[in-house]
């Protein structure tokens, strides 16, 4: 792994990083458990569209080069991310991927904040001769109920256009919740 930070000015930072990760089936399962949800169509427990409890006897190597720019202007924080990389040995075959992401967050008051994210990812799977284009958009509001409790509401839209029709989808999600930290 490598990480370089450069402070252009008092409010603007550039970051470049490179990571190379080897992961076993057990490691992927542990990673998948961080994003477990219940599929609204099937009622099954899933993570990123996969069964999080599946162990496969394979090791993947993922290499990622990432560039980030962050700028603070008043109550606004703007971010731009570009990344590219490849993954070898996964269950879907070798993959080359590229992503661009724009973020904006704004403090509206001491209690209320807003955030928006838009991203595009292009993935090419060599073994399946498959190409995916994924578009993602999210907006959220976060409200501090007290020093330890926050309520939030978010809306997400994601669509994937794939050369394999079984891998294409469109998803709209509304999430309402609360978090407590002590």
N, C-alpha and C. Protein backbone atom coordinates (compact mmCIF):
# COMPACT_ATOMS: atom_id res chain seq x y z
N UNK A 1 0.84 -1.18 0.00
CA UNK A 1 0.00 0.00 0.00
C UNK A 1 0.88 1.24 0.00
N UNK A 2 0.38 2.29 -0.61
CA UNK A 2 1.07 3.57 -0.60
C UNK A 2 0.02 4.68 -0.56
N UNK A 3 0.36 5.78 0.11
CA UNK A 3 -0.56 6.90 0.24
C UNK A 3 0.24 8.19 0.23
N UNK A 4 -0.16 9.13 -0.64
CA UNK A 4 0.46 10.45 -0.71
C UNK A 4 -0.63 11.49 -0.53
N UNK A 5 -0.39 12.46 0.35
CA UNK A 5 -1.30 13.59 0.57
C UNK A 5 -0.58 14.87 0.19
N UNK A 6 -1.31 15.79 -0.45
CA UNK A 6 -0.75 17.10 -0.77
C UNK A 6 -1.78 18.15 -0.46
N UNK A 7 -1.43 19.09 0.39
CA UNK A 7 -2.32 20.19 0.78
C UNK A 7 -2.06 21.35 -0.18
N UNK A 8 -2.98 21.57 -1.15
CA UNK A 8 -2.82 22.65 -2.12
C UNK A 8 -2.96 24.00 -1.46
N UNK A 9 -3.93 24.12 -0.59
CA UNK A 9 -4.20 25.35 0.14
C UNK A 9 -4.85 24.98 1.45
N UNK A 10 -5.29 25.96 2.22
CA UNK A 10 -5.89 25.64 3.52
C UNK A 10 -7.19 24.84 3.42
N UNK A 11 -7.85 24.88 2.26
CA UNK A 11 -9.15 24.20 2.12
C UNK A 11 -9.17 23.11 1.07
N UNK A 12 -8.05 22.81 0.42
CA UNK A 12 -8.03 21.85 -0.67
C UNK A 12 -6.92 20.83 -0.47
N UNK A 13 -7.29 19.54 -0.59
CA UNK A 13 -6.34 18.45 -0.41
C UNK A 13 -6.43 17.49 -1.59
N UNK A 14 -5.28 17.01 -2.05
CA UNK A 14 -5.20 15.96 -3.05
C UNK A 14 -4.60 14.72 -2.39
N UNK A 15 -5.15 13.56 -2.70
CA UNK A 15 -4.64 12.31 -2.15
C UNK A 15 -4.53 11.30 -3.29
N UNK A 16 -3.41 10.59 -3.33
CA UNK A 16 -3.22 9.50 -4.28
C UNK A 16 -2.86 8.27 -3.47
N UNK A 17 -3.47 7.13 -3.82
CA UNK A 17 -3.17 5.91 -3.08
C UNK A 17 -3.14 4.72 -4.02
N UNK A 18 -2.39 3.72 -3.61
CA UNK A 18 -2.33 2.45 -4.33
C UNK A 18 -2.48 1.35 -3.28
N UNK A 19 -3.32 0.37 -3.55
CA UNK A 19 -3.50 -0.75 -2.63
C UNK A 19 -3.52 -2.05 -3.42
N UNK A 20 -2.87 -3.04 -2.88
CA UNK A 20 -2.90 -4.39 -3.44
C UNK A 20 -3.33 -5.32 -2.32
N UNK A 21 -4.45 -6.03 -2.53
CA UNK A 21 -5.05 -6.84 -1.48
C UNK A 21 -5.21 -8.27 -1.96
N UNK A 22 -4.76 -9.22 -1.14
CA UNK A 22 -5.03 -10.64 -1.36
C UNK A 22 -6.13 -11.03 -0.38
N UNK A 23 -7.16 -11.71 -0.88
CA UNK A 23 -8.28 -12.04 -0.03
C UNK A 23 -8.73 -13.48 -0.29
N UNK A 24 -8.94 -14.24 0.77
CA UNK A 24 -9.44 -15.61 0.66
C UNK A 24 -10.96 -15.61 0.70
N UNK A 25 -11.57 -16.77 0.52
CA UNK A 25 -13.01 -16.87 0.62
C UNK A 25 -13.52 -16.47 1.98
N UNK A 26 -12.78 -16.82 3.04
CA UNK A 26 -13.18 -16.44 4.39
C UNK A 26 -13.08 -14.92 4.57
N UNK A 27 -12.06 -14.30 4.01
CA UNK A 27 -11.90 -12.85 4.10
C UNK A 27 -13.01 -12.12 3.38
N UNK A 28 -13.42 -12.64 2.20
CA UNK A 28 -14.53 -12.04 1.46
C UNK A 28 -15.83 -12.16 2.25
N UNK A 29 -16.01 -13.30 2.92
CA UNK A 29 -17.22 -13.49 3.73
C UNK A 29 -17.27 -12.45 4.84
N UNK A 30 -16.13 -12.23 5.51
CA UNK A 30 -16.07 -11.23 6.57
C UNK A 30 -16.37 -9.84 6.01
N UNK A 31 -15.83 -9.51 4.83
CA UNK A 31 -16.11 -8.22 4.20
C UNK A 31 -17.58 -8.10 3.83
N UNK A 32 -18.16 -9.18 3.30
CA UNK A 32 -19.57 -9.16 2.90
C UNK A 32 -20.50 -8.95 4.08
N UNK A 33 -20.13 -9.46 5.26
CA UNK A 33 -20.99 -9.33 6.43
C UNK A 33 -21.15 -7.89 6.88
N UNK A 34 -20.23 -7.01 6.46
CA UNK A 34 -20.33 -5.60 6.81
C UNK A 34 -21.48 -4.92 6.08
N UNK A 35 -21.94 -5.50 4.97
CA UNK A 35 -22.97 -4.87 4.15
C UNK A 35 -24.18 -5.78 3.97
N UNK A 36 -24.52 -6.55 4.98
CA UNK A 36 -25.63 -7.49 4.90
C UNK A 36 -26.95 -6.73 4.89
N UNK A 37 -27.83 -7.12 3.96
CA UNK A 37 -29.19 -6.58 3.90
C UNK A 37 -30.16 -7.74 3.63
N UNK A 38 -31.44 -7.47 3.75
CA UNK A 38 -32.45 -8.45 3.37
C UNK A 38 -33.01 -8.03 2.03
N UNK A 39 -32.89 -8.92 1.04
CA UNK A 39 -33.38 -8.64 -0.32
C UNK A 39 -34.89 -8.44 -0.25
N UNK A 40 -35.41 -7.27 -0.70
CA UNK A 40 -36.85 -7.00 -0.58
C UNK A 40 -37.69 -7.90 -1.48
N UNK A 41 -37.11 -8.44 -2.55
CA UNK A 41 -37.87 -9.30 -3.46
C UNK A 41 -37.96 -10.74 -2.97
N UNK A 42 -36.83 -11.26 -2.44
CA UNK A 42 -36.79 -12.67 -2.07
C UNK A 42 -36.84 -12.90 -0.57
N UNK A 43 -36.54 -11.88 0.25
CA UNK A 43 -36.48 -12.05 1.69
C UNK A 43 -35.22 -12.73 2.17
N UNK A 44 -34.28 -13.01 1.26
CA UNK A 44 -33.02 -13.67 1.62
C UNK A 44 -32.01 -12.65 2.14
N UNK A 45 -31.10 -13.12 2.97
CA UNK A 45 -30.01 -12.29 3.46
C UNK A 45 -28.94 -12.25 2.38
N UNK A 46 -28.56 -11.04 1.93
CA UNK A 46 -27.56 -10.88 0.88
C UNK A 46 -26.63 -9.72 1.22
N UNK A 47 -25.49 -9.72 0.55
CA UNK A 47 -24.53 -8.62 0.66
C UNK A 47 -23.99 -8.37 -0.73
N UNK A 48 -24.20 -7.15 -1.24
CA UNK A 48 -23.77 -6.80 -2.60
C UNK A 48 -24.30 -7.79 -3.63
N UNK A 49 -25.52 -8.29 -3.42
CA UNK A 49 -26.13 -9.19 -4.39
C UNK A 49 -25.67 -10.62 -4.27
N UNK A 50 -24.75 -10.95 -3.35
CA UNK A 50 -24.23 -12.29 -3.21
C UNK A 50 -24.67 -12.89 -1.88
N UNK A 51 -24.57 -14.21 -1.78
CA UNK A 51 -24.80 -14.89 -0.51
C UNK A 51 -23.58 -14.66 0.37
N UNK A 52 -23.72 -13.93 1.49
CA UNK A 52 -22.55 -13.58 2.30
C UNK A 52 -21.94 -14.76 3.04
N UNK A 53 -22.62 -15.91 3.08
CA UNK A 53 -22.14 -17.04 3.86
C UNK A 53 -21.50 -18.11 2.99
N UNK A 54 -21.23 -17.82 1.71
CA UNK A 54 -20.63 -18.78 0.81
C UNK A 54 -19.12 -18.73 0.92
N UNK A 55 -18.50 -19.89 1.16
CA UNK A 55 -17.04 -19.99 1.18
C UNK A 55 -16.60 -20.64 -0.12
N UNK A 56 -15.73 -19.98 -0.84
CA UNK A 56 -15.18 -20.55 -2.06
C UNK A 56 -13.68 -20.69 -1.86
N UNK A 57 -13.15 -21.81 -2.37
CA UNK A 57 -11.74 -22.11 -2.21
C UNK A 57 -10.94 -21.40 -3.29
N UNK A 58 -10.83 -20.08 -3.16
CA UNK A 58 -10.06 -19.31 -4.13
C UNK A 58 -9.54 -18.04 -3.46
N UNK A 59 -8.47 -17.54 -4.02
CA UNK A 59 -7.88 -16.30 -3.53
C UNK A 59 -7.96 -15.27 -4.63
N UNK A 60 -8.35 -14.05 -4.29
CA UNK A 60 -8.38 -12.97 -5.28
C UNK A 60 -7.29 -11.95 -4.95
N UNK A 61 -6.76 -11.36 -5.98
CA UNK A 61 -5.79 -10.27 -5.84
C UNK A 61 -6.42 -9.05 -6.50
N UNK A 62 -6.58 -7.98 -5.72
CA UNK A 62 -7.16 -6.75 -6.24
C UNK A 62 -6.13 -5.64 -6.12
N UNK A 63 -5.91 -4.94 -7.23
CA UNK A 63 -5.00 -3.78 -7.26
C UNK A 63 -5.84 -2.56 -7.60
N UNK A 64 -5.68 -1.49 -6.81
CA UNK A 64 -6.48 -0.28 -7.03
C UNK A 64 -5.60 0.96 -6.90
N UNK A 65 -5.67 1.83 -7.91
CA UNK A 65 -5.04 3.15 -7.88
C UNK A 65 -6.16 4.16 -7.75
N UNK A 66 -6.04 5.06 -6.76
CA UNK A 66 -7.14 5.98 -6.45
C UNK A 66 -6.60 7.40 -6.31
N UNK A 67 -7.34 8.37 -6.88
CA UNK A 67 -7.02 9.79 -6.75
C UNK A 67 -8.24 10.49 -6.16
N UNK A 68 -8.01 11.30 -5.13
CA UNK A 68 -9.09 12.03 -4.47
C UNK A 68 -8.73 13.51 -4.38
N UNK A 69 -9.74 14.35 -4.56
CA UNK A 69 -9.59 15.79 -4.32
C UNK A 69 -10.75 16.21 -3.42
N UNK A 70 -10.42 16.98 -2.37
CA UNK A 70 -11.43 17.45 -1.43
C UNK A 70 -11.25 18.96 -1.25
N UNK A 71 -12.37 19.68 -1.30
CA UNK A 71 -12.33 21.13 -1.14
C UNK A 71 -13.41 21.55 -0.15
N UNK A 72 -13.04 22.36 0.82
CA UNK A 72 -13.96 22.90 1.82
C UNK A 72 -14.22 24.36 1.48
N UNK A 73 -15.50 24.72 1.35
CA UNK A 73 -15.88 26.10 1.05
C UNK A 73 -17.08 26.46 1.91
N UNK A 74 -16.86 27.23 2.96
CA UNK A 74 -17.95 27.58 3.88
C UNK A 74 -18.49 26.34 4.56
N UNK A 75 -19.80 26.11 4.45
CA UNK A 75 -20.44 24.93 5.03
C UNK A 75 -20.46 23.75 4.06
N UNK A 76 -19.81 23.87 2.90
CA UNK A 76 -19.83 22.85 1.87
C UNK A 76 -18.51 22.09 1.82
N UNK A 77 -18.61 20.79 1.59
CA UNK A 77 -17.43 19.97 1.31
C UNK A 77 -17.69 19.28 -0.03
N UNK A 78 -16.79 19.51 -0.99
CA UNK A 78 -16.89 18.92 -2.31
C UNK A 78 -15.79 17.87 -2.46
N UNK A 79 -16.12 16.76 -3.09
CA UNK A 79 -15.13 15.71 -3.29
C UNK A 79 -15.21 15.15 -4.70
N UNK A 80 -14.08 14.75 -5.21
CA UNK A 80 -13.99 14.12 -6.53
C UNK A 80 -13.04 12.94 -6.38
N UNK A 81 -13.48 11.77 -6.82
CA UNK A 81 -12.67 10.55 -6.74
C UNK A 81 -12.63 9.88 -8.10
N UNK A 82 -11.45 9.42 -8.47
CA UNK A 82 -11.27 8.60 -9.67
C UNK A 82 -10.43 7.41 -9.26
N UNK A 83 -10.87 6.23 -9.66
CA UNK A 83 -10.08 5.04 -9.33
C UNK A 83 -10.14 4.06 -10.48
N UNK A 84 -9.13 3.23 -10.53
CA UNK A 84 -9.06 2.19 -11.53
C UNK A 84 -8.28 1.03 -10.96
N UNK A 85 -8.57 -0.15 -11.46
CA UNK A 85 -7.84 -1.31 -10.96
C UNK A 85 -8.28 -2.58 -11.63
N UNK A 86 -7.78 -3.68 -11.07
CA UNK A 86 -8.18 -4.98 -11.57
C UNK A 86 -8.23 -5.97 -10.43
N UNK A 87 -9.01 -7.00 -10.64
CA UNK A 87 -9.17 -8.08 -9.66
C UNK A 87 -8.97 -9.39 -10.42
N UNK A 88 -8.11 -10.25 -9.88
CA UNK A 88 -7.82 -11.53 -10.51
C UNK A 88 -8.25 -12.66 -9.60
N UNK A 89 -8.90 -13.67 -10.18
CA UNK A 89 -9.21 -14.88 -9.44
C UNK A 89 -10.56 -14.88 -8.76
N UNK A 90 -11.42 -13.93 -9.00
CA UNK A 90 -12.74 -13.90 -8.36
C UNK A 90 -13.68 -14.91 -8.98
N UNK A 91 -14.83 -15.12 -8.34
CA UNK A 91 -15.80 -16.10 -8.83
C UNK A 91 -16.38 -15.69 -10.18
N UNK A 92 -16.34 -14.39 -10.51
CA UNK A 92 -16.85 -13.94 -11.80
C UNK A 92 -15.72 -13.76 -12.81
N UNK A 93 -14.53 -14.20 -12.48
CA UNK A 93 -13.39 -14.09 -13.39
C UNK A 93 -12.64 -12.79 -13.18
N UNK A 94 -11.58 -12.63 -13.96
CA UNK A 94 -10.77 -11.43 -13.86
C UNK A 94 -11.59 -10.21 -14.28
N UNK A 95 -11.39 -9.11 -13.54
CA UNK A 95 -12.18 -7.91 -13.77
C UNK A 95 -11.26 -6.69 -13.83
N UNK A 96 -11.48 -5.83 -14.81
CA UNK A 96 -10.87 -4.50 -14.86
C UNK A 96 -11.99 -3.51 -14.54
N UNK A 97 -11.71 -2.54 -13.66
CA UNK A 97 -12.77 -1.61 -13.27
C UNK A 97 -12.23 -0.19 -13.18
N UNK A 98 -13.16 0.76 -13.45
CA UNK A 98 -12.87 2.19 -13.38
C UNK A 98 -14.08 2.86 -12.76
N UNK A 99 -13.84 3.87 -11.91
CA UNK A 99 -14.95 4.55 -11.27
C UNK A 99 -14.66 6.04 -11.14
N UNK A 100 -15.69 6.85 -11.32
CA UNK A 100 -15.63 8.29 -11.06
C UNK A 100 -16.76 8.60 -10.10
N UNK A 101 -16.46 9.40 -9.05
CA UNK A 101 -17.48 9.72 -8.05
C UNK A 101 -17.36 11.19 -7.65
N UNK A 102 -18.51 11.83 -7.51
CA UNK A 102 -18.59 13.22 -7.06
C UNK A 102 -19.42 13.22 -5.77
N UNK A 103 -18.94 13.94 -4.75
CA UNK A 103 -19.68 14.05 -3.49
C UNK A 103 -19.84 15.52 -3.10
N UNK A 104 -20.93 15.79 -2.41
CA UNK A 104 -21.17 17.13 -1.88
C UNK A 104 -21.89 16.96 -0.55
N UNK A 105 -21.39 17.60 0.47
CA UNK A 105 -22.10 17.62 1.75
C UNK A 105 -22.15 19.05 2.25
N UNK A 106 -23.20 19.34 2.99
CA UNK A 106 -23.40 20.70 3.47
C UNK A 106 -24.04 20.65 4.85
N UNK A 107 -23.48 21.40 5.78
CA UNK A 107 -24.06 21.58 7.09
C UNK A 107 -25.13 22.66 6.97
N UNK A 108 -26.37 22.30 7.24
CA UNK A 108 -27.48 23.24 7.12
C UNK A 108 -27.74 23.99 8.43
N UNK A 109 -27.48 23.33 9.55
CA UNK A 109 -27.59 23.94 10.88
C UNK A 109 -26.74 23.09 11.81
N UNK A 110 -26.73 23.44 13.09
CA UNK A 110 -25.96 22.63 14.05
C UNK A 110 -26.47 21.20 14.12
N UNK A 111 -27.75 21.00 13.87
CA UNK A 111 -28.34 19.67 13.98
C UNK A 111 -28.52 18.96 12.65
N UNK A 112 -28.63 19.68 11.55
CA UNK A 112 -29.03 19.11 10.27
C UNK A 112 -27.93 19.22 9.22
N UNK A 113 -27.69 18.10 8.51
CA UNK A 113 -26.72 18.11 7.41
C UNK A 113 -27.29 17.35 6.21
N UNK A 114 -26.79 17.67 5.04
CA UNK A 114 -27.23 17.09 3.78
C UNK A 114 -26.01 16.54 3.06
N UNK A 115 -26.18 15.43 2.33
CA UNK A 115 -25.09 14.87 1.52
C UNK A 115 -25.67 14.30 0.23
N UNK A 116 -24.86 14.37 -0.83
CA UNK A 116 -25.24 13.80 -2.13
C UNK A 116 -24.02 13.14 -2.75
N UNK A 117 -24.24 12.01 -3.41
CA UNK A 117 -23.18 11.26 -4.08
C UNK A 117 -23.69 10.84 -5.44
N UNK A 118 -22.86 10.97 -6.46
CA UNK A 118 -23.15 10.44 -7.79
C UNK A 118 -21.90 9.73 -8.28
N UNK A 119 -22.09 8.53 -8.85
CA UNK A 119 -20.92 7.80 -9.34
C UNK A 119 -21.25 7.00 -10.59
N UNK A 120 -20.19 6.69 -11.32
CA UNK A 120 -20.27 5.84 -12.51
C UNK A 120 -19.14 4.82 -12.42
N UNK A 121 -19.44 3.54 -12.65
CA UNK A 121 -18.40 2.51 -12.66
C UNK A 121 -18.53 1.67 -13.92
N UNK A 122 -17.39 1.42 -14.55
CA UNK A 122 -17.31 0.55 -15.72
C UNK A 122 -16.49 -0.67 -15.34
N UNK A 123 -17.04 -1.86 -15.55
CA UNK A 123 -16.33 -3.10 -15.23
C UNK A 123 -16.34 -4.00 -16.45
N UNK A 124 -15.19 -4.65 -16.69
CA UNK A 124 -15.08 -5.62 -17.78
C UNK A 124 -14.59 -6.92 -17.18
N UNK A 125 -15.38 -7.99 -17.37
CA UNK A 125 -15.05 -9.31 -16.86
C UNK A 125 -14.53 -10.15 -18.03
N UNK A 126 -13.25 -10.50 -17.97
CA UNK A 126 -12.60 -11.18 -19.09
C UNK A 126 -13.16 -12.58 -19.34
N UNK A 127 -13.35 -13.37 -18.28
CA UNK A 127 -13.78 -14.76 -18.45
C UNK A 127 -15.18 -14.86 -19.05
N UNK A 128 -16.07 -13.96 -18.67
CA UNK A 128 -17.45 -14.00 -19.15
C UNK A 128 -17.65 -13.16 -20.41
N UNK A 129 -16.61 -12.43 -20.83
CA UNK A 129 -16.74 -11.48 -21.94
C UNK A 129 -17.95 -10.58 -21.69
N UNK A 130 -17.99 -10.04 -20.45
CA UNK A 130 -19.12 -9.23 -19.99
C UNK A 130 -18.64 -7.84 -19.62
N UNK A 131 -19.45 -6.83 -19.92
CA UNK A 131 -19.16 -5.45 -19.55
C UNK A 131 -20.36 -4.89 -18.80
N UNK A 132 -20.09 -4.24 -17.66
CA UNK A 132 -21.14 -3.61 -16.85
C UNK A 132 -20.87 -2.12 -16.75
N UNK A 133 -21.92 -1.33 -16.86
CA UNK A 133 -21.87 0.11 -16.57
C UNK A 133 -22.88 0.36 -15.45
N UNK A 134 -22.38 0.83 -14.29
CA UNK A 134 -23.23 1.02 -13.12
C UNK A 134 -23.28 2.50 -12.77
N UNK A 135 -24.50 3.02 -12.60
CA UNK A 135 -24.74 4.41 -12.24
C UNK A 135 -25.38 4.43 -10.86
N UNK A 136 -24.91 5.31 -9.97
CA UNK A 136 -25.41 5.36 -8.61
C UNK A 136 -25.61 6.81 -8.20
N UNK A 137 -26.72 7.06 -7.48
CA UNK A 137 -27.01 8.40 -6.95
C UNK A 137 -27.63 8.23 -5.57
N UNK A 138 -27.20 9.05 -4.60
CA UNK A 138 -27.72 8.99 -3.25
C UNK A 138 -27.82 10.39 -2.67
N UNK A 139 -28.90 10.66 -1.97
CA UNK A 139 -29.03 11.89 -1.18
C UNK A 139 -29.44 11.48 0.22
N UNK A 140 -29.00 12.25 1.22
CA UNK A 140 -29.36 11.92 2.59
C UNK A 140 -29.43 13.17 3.45
N UNK A 141 -30.27 13.10 4.46
CA UNK A 141 -30.39 14.12 5.50
C UNK A 141 -30.07 13.44 6.82
N UNK A 142 -29.31 14.14 7.66
CA UNK A 142 -28.90 13.61 8.95
C UNK A 142 -29.24 14.67 10.01
N UNK A 143 -29.95 14.25 11.08
CA UNK A 143 -30.40 15.19 12.10
C UNK A 143 -29.94 14.70 13.48
N UNK A 144 -29.26 15.58 14.23
CA UNK A 144 -28.81 15.24 15.57
C UNK A 144 -29.97 15.45 16.55
N UNK A 145 -30.47 14.35 17.11
CA UNK A 145 -31.54 14.42 18.11
C UNK A 145 -30.97 14.79 19.47
N UNK A 146 -29.74 14.35 19.73
CA UNK A 146 -29.03 14.68 20.96
C UNK A 146 -27.53 14.52 20.67
N UNK A 147 -26.73 14.64 21.71
CA UNK A 147 -25.29 14.48 21.53
C UNK A 147 -24.88 13.08 21.12
N UNK A 148 -25.72 12.08 21.38
CA UNK A 148 -25.39 10.69 21.11
C UNK A 148 -26.31 10.02 20.08
N UNK A 149 -27.42 10.64 19.74
CA UNK A 149 -28.41 9.99 18.87
C UNK A 149 -28.64 10.85 17.63
N UNK A 150 -28.57 10.18 16.47
CA UNK A 150 -28.79 10.84 15.19
C UNK A 150 -29.86 10.07 14.41
N UNK A 151 -30.73 10.80 13.74
CA UNK A 151 -31.73 10.21 12.86
C UNK A 151 -31.32 10.54 11.43
N UNK A 152 -31.63 9.65 10.49
CA UNK A 152 -31.26 9.91 9.10
C UNK A 152 -32.33 9.38 8.16
N UNK A 153 -32.33 9.94 6.97
CA UNK A 153 -33.20 9.50 5.89
C UNK A 153 -32.40 9.62 4.60
N UNK A 154 -32.45 8.56 3.77
CA UNK A 154 -31.71 8.63 2.51
C UNK A 154 -32.50 7.99 1.39
N UNK A 155 -32.20 8.44 0.19
CA UNK A 155 -32.76 7.87 -1.03
C UNK A 155 -31.61 7.50 -1.95
N UNK A 156 -31.64 6.28 -2.48
CA UNK A 156 -30.61 5.82 -3.42
C UNK A 156 -31.26 5.30 -4.69
N UNK A 157 -30.59 5.58 -5.80
CA UNK A 157 -30.98 5.04 -7.10
C UNK A 157 -29.73 4.41 -7.70
N UNK A 158 -29.84 3.16 -8.13
CA UNK A 158 -28.72 2.48 -8.77
C UNK A 158 -29.24 1.67 -9.94
N UNK A 159 -28.53 1.74 -11.05
CA UNK A 159 -28.88 0.95 -12.21
C UNK A 159 -27.61 0.40 -12.84
N UNK A 160 -27.69 -0.84 -13.28
CA UNK A 160 -26.57 -1.46 -13.97
C UNK A 160 -27.03 -1.91 -15.35
N UNK A 161 -26.29 -1.50 -16.36
CA UNK A 161 -26.52 -1.92 -17.73
C UNK A 161 -25.40 -2.90 -18.07
N UNK A 162 -25.76 -4.16 -18.29
CA UNK A 162 -24.76 -5.20 -18.52
C UNK A 162 -24.99 -5.87 -19.87
N UNK A 163 -23.91 -6.35 -20.45
CA UNK A 163 -24.04 -7.12 -21.69
C UNK A 163 -24.67 -8.49 -21.41
N UNK A 164 -24.70 -8.92 -20.14
CA UNK A 164 -25.41 -10.13 -19.71
C UNK A 164 -26.71 -9.65 -19.05
N UNK A 165 -27.84 -9.88 -19.70
CA UNK A 165 -29.13 -9.37 -19.21
C UNK A 165 -29.43 -9.80 -17.78
N UNK A 166 -28.94 -10.97 -17.35
CA UNK A 166 -29.18 -11.43 -15.98
C UNK A 166 -28.48 -10.56 -14.94
N UNK A 167 -27.48 -9.80 -15.33
CA UNK A 167 -26.73 -8.96 -14.41
C UNK A 167 -27.24 -7.51 -14.39
N UNK A 168 -28.16 -7.14 -15.28
CA UNK A 168 -28.71 -5.79 -15.32
C UNK A 168 -29.80 -5.63 -14.25
N UNK A 169 -29.89 -4.45 -13.66
CA UNK A 169 -30.93 -4.19 -12.67
C UNK A 169 -31.10 -2.69 -12.48
N UNK A 170 -32.22 -2.32 -11.88
CA UNK A 170 -32.47 -0.95 -11.42
C UNK A 170 -33.05 -1.07 -10.02
N UNK A 171 -32.54 -0.23 -9.11
CA UNK A 171 -32.97 -0.31 -7.72
C UNK A 171 -33.19 1.09 -7.16
N UNK A 172 -34.32 1.29 -6.49
CA UNK A 172 -34.63 2.51 -5.75
C UNK A 172 -34.76 2.11 -4.29
N UNK A 173 -34.09 2.84 -3.39
CA UNK A 173 -34.12 2.49 -1.98
C UNK A 173 -34.33 3.74 -1.13
N UNK A 174 -35.27 3.66 -0.19
CA UNK A 174 -35.45 4.70 0.81
C UNK A 174 -35.12 4.07 2.16
N UNK A 175 -34.25 4.73 2.91
CA UNK A 175 -33.85 4.21 4.22
C UNK A 175 -34.08 5.28 5.28
N UNK A 176 -34.72 4.89 6.37
CA UNK A 176 -34.95 5.77 7.51
C UNK A 176 -34.45 5.05 8.74
N UNK A 177 -33.68 5.73 9.57
CA UNK A 177 -33.15 5.06 10.74
C UNK A 177 -32.58 6.02 11.76
N UNK A 178 -31.99 5.43 12.78
CA UNK A 178 -31.35 6.20 13.84
C UNK A 178 -30.10 5.44 14.30
N UNK A 179 -29.10 6.20 14.76
CA UNK A 179 -27.89 5.61 15.31
C UNK A 179 -27.63 6.23 16.67
N UNK A 180 -27.06 5.42 17.54
CA UNK A 180 -26.68 5.89 18.88
C UNK A 180 -25.24 5.52 19.13
N UNK A 181 -24.44 6.45 19.64
CA UNK A 181 -23.05 6.17 19.96
C UNK A 181 -22.81 6.55 21.42
N UNK A 182 -22.05 5.70 22.10
CA UNK A 182 -21.73 5.96 23.51
C UNK A 182 -20.29 5.63 23.76
